[in-house]
Amino acid sequence: MKYCSGCGEEVTQKIPDDDTRHRYVCLGCETIHYQNPNIVAGTIPVHEGKVLLCKRAIEPRHGYWTLPAGFMENQETTMEAAARETWEEAEARVKLHTLYTVINVPQIDQVHMYFLATLIDGKFGVGSESLECQLFEEDEIPWDDLAFPTVKRTLKLYFEDRQHGEFSTHVSDIYREPREPEFEVIQDD
């Protein structure tokens, strides 16, 4: 960021008073421009035991398979975003169930959220962001051609949970490199 979206003056990076992080601060009007992570919302659409995947027609990872998902828009909920993205990528309407995975990817400032879902009437097509869409049995999943680590993790967890017949929400992190968290996170077992 070089210029203030409010007044057009130059911005600088500094730690504002009563803050702990570097922010873009306008040199003219002193507005603090906060930048926050993007939320990626999607579904695990299932029909008769098969999972619907989409082959990407766009970058990044053109030609690789993914679950239908994308960036959440302003003025929508995570569930609305997941359902919209499933329609846009696979022309599929889904019945949403529970939130299944929340995967933090801090190095790219993203949080990925996938909901368990059932294809309504088993119908789907190919949206403008997909080259093709297909239902896969577990042993047919193109594991080496999955677009993103979050998709691979979500699918592995799904098939593990399906074997036990119990689905719970999974929260995890994906780091490029191991790092020490800035604040200690204490989780309940």
Protein backbone atom coordinates (compact mmCIF):
# COMPACT_ATOMS: atom_id res chain seq x y z
CA MET A 1 0.00 0.00 0.00
CA LYS A 2 1.43 3.36 -1.02
CA TYR A 3 -1.44 5.82 -0.72
CA CYS A 4 -4.33 6.40 1.65
CA SER A 5 -7.70 5.33 0.24
CA GLY A 6 -9.33 8.16 2.21
CA CYS A 7 -7.29 11.23 1.33
CA GLY A 8 -4.72 10.06 -1.22
CA GLU A 9 -1.65 10.99 0.83
CA GLU A 10 1.31 8.64 1.21
CA VAL A 11 1.25 5.98 3.92
CA THR A 12 4.05 4.59 6.04
CA GLN A 13 4.36 1.43 8.05
CA LYS A 14 4.64 1.89 11.79
CA ILE A 15 3.26 0.57 15.05
CA PRO A 16 0.44 2.92 16.09
CA ASP A 17 0.06 3.94 19.74
CA ASP A 18 -1.67 1.24 21.81
CA ASP A 19 -0.99 -1.39 19.13
CA THR A 20 1.53 -4.23 18.77
CA ARG A 21 1.79 -4.67 14.99
CA HIS A 22 3.05 -2.67 12.06
CA ARG A 23 0.18 -1.05 10.16
CA TYR A 24 -0.11 1.27 7.18
CA VAL A 25 -0.73 4.74 8.60
CA CYS A 26 -1.56 7.79 6.48
CA LEU A 27 0.94 10.63 6.80
CA GLY A 28 -1.84 13.14 6.04
CA CYS A 29 -5.04 12.18 7.86
CA GLU A 30 -3.42 9.59 10.19
CA THR A 31 -5.95 6.90 9.25
CA ILE A 32 -4.77 3.43 10.25
CA HIS A 33 -5.34 0.94 7.42
CA TYR A 34 -5.85 -2.50 8.92
CA GLN A 35 -5.25 -5.53 6.73
CA ASN A 36 -6.90 -8.74 7.84
CA PRO A 37 -6.90 -12.34 6.58
CA ASN A 38 -9.14 -13.47 3.75
CA ILE A 39 -11.66 -16.23 4.39
CA VAL A 40 -11.97 -19.03 1.86
CA ALA A 41 -15.29 -20.85 2.24
CA GLY A 42 -16.26 -24.07 0.55
CA THR A 43 -17.99 -27.41 0.78
CA ILE A 44 -17.36 -31.12 0.76
CA PRO A 45 -20.31 -31.99 -1.52
CA VAL A 46 -21.27 -35.65 -1.21
CA HIS A 47 -23.70 -37.77 -3.24
CA GLU A 48 -24.18 -41.49 -2.62
CA GLY A 49 -20.81 -41.74 -0.86
CA LYS A 50 -18.89 -39.92 -3.59
CA VAL A 51 -17.25 -36.50 -3.22
CA LEU A 52 -17.59 -33.81 -5.88
CA LEU A 53 -14.32 -32.24 -7.03
CA CYS A 54 -13.67 -29.51 -9.59
CA LYS A 55 -10.70 -29.23 -11.95
CA ARG A 56 -9.56 -25.61 -11.85
CA ALA A 57 -9.83 -23.48 -15.01
CA ILE A 58 -8.07 -20.54 -13.33
CA GLU A 59 -4.80 -19.79 -11.58
CA PRO A 60 -3.47 -20.51 -9.11
CA ARG A 61 -3.12 -24.25 -9.76
CA HIS A 62 -4.87 -24.35 -13.14
CA GLY A 63 -5.69 -27.95 -14.09
CA TYR A 64 -5.56 -29.30 -10.54
CA TRP A 65 -8.51 -30.71 -8.59
CA THR A 66 -10.13 -28.96 -5.66
CA LEU A 67 -13.20 -28.86 -3.50
CA PRO A 68 -15.55 -26.05 -4.57
CA ALA A 69 -14.45 -23.02 -2.56
CA GLY A 70 -13.43 -19.41 -2.88
CA PHE A 71 -13.08 -16.06 -1.21
CA MET A 72 -15.94 -14.87 0.94
CA GLU A 73 -17.55 -11.62 -0.22
CA ASN A 74 -18.54 -8.68 1.94
CA GLN A 75 -22.15 -8.77 3.13
CA GLU A 76 -22.40 -12.58 3.12
CA THR A 77 -22.08 -15.29 5.75
CA THR A 78 -19.59 -18.13 5.59
CA MET A 79 -22.40 -20.56 4.76
CA GLU A 80 -23.70 -18.29 2.00
CA ALA A 81 -20.17 -18.02 0.59
CA ALA A 82 -19.72 -21.81 0.65
CA ALA A 83 -23.05 -22.40 -1.12
CA ARG A 84 -22.36 -19.64 -3.67
CA GLU A 85 -18.90 -20.94 -4.48
CA THR A 86 -20.27 -24.46 -4.93
CA TRP A 87 -22.81 -23.11 -7.41
CA GLU A 88 -20.26 -20.95 -9.26
CA GLU A 89 -17.69 -23.72 -9.61
CA ALA A 90 -19.87 -26.81 -10.00
CA GLU A 91 -23.38 -25.54 -10.76
CA ALA A 92 -24.43 -27.59 -7.75
CA ARG A 93 -26.97 -26.76 -5.11
CA VAL A 94 -26.16 -28.25 -1.74
CA LYS A 95 -27.73 -28.82 1.62
CA LEU A 96 -25.17 -27.56 4.12
CA HIS A 97 -24.52 -29.45 7.30
CA THR A 98 -21.90 -28.66 9.92
CA LEU A 99 -18.66 -26.73 9.71
CA TYR A 100 -16.07 -29.43 9.16
CA THR A 101 -12.59 -27.92 8.85
CA VAL A 102 -11.07 -24.58 9.75
CA ILE A 103 -7.51 -24.41 8.48
CA ASN A 104 -5.35 -21.36 9.15
CA VAL A 105 -2.71 -20.56 6.53
CA PRO A 106 -0.98 -17.56 8.15
CA GLN A 107 1.85 -17.09 5.63
CA ILE A 108 -0.71 -16.17 2.94
CA ASP A 109 -3.15 -14.47 5.34
CA GLN A 110 -6.00 -16.92 4.74
CA VAL A 111 -8.43 -19.02 6.76
CA HIS A 112 -10.07 -21.92 4.89
CA MET A 113 -13.46 -23.16 6.10
CA TYR A 114 -15.17 -26.22 4.64
CA PHE A 115 -18.72 -27.35 5.40
CA LEU A 116 -20.05 -30.88 5.06
CA ALA A 117 -22.73 -30.82 2.37
CA THR A 118 -25.06 -33.06 0.39
CA LEU A 119 -25.69 -32.52 -3.32
CA ILE A 120 -29.37 -31.79 -3.86
CA ASP A 121 -30.73 -34.43 -6.28
CA GLY A 122 -27.13 -35.37 -7.15
CA LYS A 123 -27.09 -32.72 -9.87
CA PHE A 124 -24.02 -30.70 -10.86
CA GLY A 125 -22.45 -29.13 -13.92
CA VAL A 126 -19.29 -27.24 -14.79
CA GLY A 127 -19.00 -23.61 -13.73
CA SER A 128 -16.92 -20.95 -15.45
CA GLU A 129 -13.97 -21.43 -13.05
CA SER A 130 -13.81 -25.19 -13.68
CA LEU A 131 -12.60 -27.33 -16.57
CA GLU A 132 -14.63 -30.30 -15.35
CA CYS A 133 -16.41 -31.57 -12.25
CA GLN A 134 -16.66 -35.17 -11.19
CA LEU A 135 -17.85 -37.38 -8.34
CA PHE A 136 -15.08 -39.53 -6.84
CA GLU A 137 -15.03 -42.60 -4.63
CA GLU A 138 -12.29 -42.46 -1.99
CA ASP A 139 -9.97 -44.74 -3.98
CA GLU A 140 -10.43 -42.59 -7.11
CA ILE A 141 -9.38 -39.25 -5.57
CA PRO A 142 -6.48 -37.80 -7.62
CA TRP A 143 -4.34 -37.26 -4.50
CA ASP A 144 -1.23 -36.17 -6.42
CA ASP A 145 -3.24 -33.66 -8.47
CA LEU A 146 -5.02 -31.81 -5.66
CA ALA A 147 -4.62 -28.06 -5.89
CA PHE A 148 -4.06 -27.07 -2.27
CA PRO A 149 -2.83 -28.58 1.03
CA THR A 150 -6.06 -27.46 2.72
CA VAL A 151 -8.10 -29.56 0.27
CA LYS A 152 -5.90 -32.60 0.78
CA ARG A 153 -6.09 -32.29 4.58
CA THR A 154 -9.87 -31.82 4.52
CA LEU A 155 -10.41 -34.86 2.29
CA LYS A 156 -8.10 -37.09 4.37
CA LEU A 157 -9.95 -36.07 7.55
CA TYR A 158 -13.31 -36.65 5.87
CA PHE A 159 -12.48 -40.19 4.79
CA GLU A 160 -10.96 -41.02 8.20
CA ASP A 161 -14.05 -39.73 10.02
CA ARG A 162 -16.36 -41.52 7.59
CA GLN A 163 -14.75 -44.85 8.55
CA HIS A 164 -15.70 -44.17 12.19
CA GLY A 165 -19.11 -42.75 11.34
CA GLU A 166 -18.49 -39.60 13.39
CA PHE A 167 -17.78 -36.14 12.04
CA SER A 168 -16.49 -33.38 14.27
CA THR A 169 -15.04 -29.98 13.48
CA HIS A 170 -11.27 -30.01 12.88
CA VAL A 171 -9.19 -26.88 13.46
CA SER A 172 -5.56 -26.86 12.33
CA ASP A 173 -2.76 -24.77 10.86
CA ILE A 174 -0.57 -25.16 7.80
CA TYR A 175 2.82 -23.46 7.90
CA ARG A 176 5.45 -23.34 5.18
CA GLU A 177 8.11 -23.36 7.87
CA PRO A 178 7.84 -24.23 11.55
CA ARG A 179 7.56 -21.16 13.71
CA GLU A 180 6.93 -20.14 17.28
CA PRO A 181 3.50 -18.55 17.79
CA GLU A 182 3.51 -14.96 18.97
CA PHE A 183 1.07 -15.84 21.76
CA GLU A 184 0.68 -19.11 23.60
CA VAL A 185 -2.44 -20.99 22.50
CA ILE A 186 -3.87 -23.28 25.15
CA GLN A 187 -6.40 -25.76 23.80
CA ASP A 188 -8.83 -28.02 25.58
CA ASP A 189 -8.14 -31.71 24.93
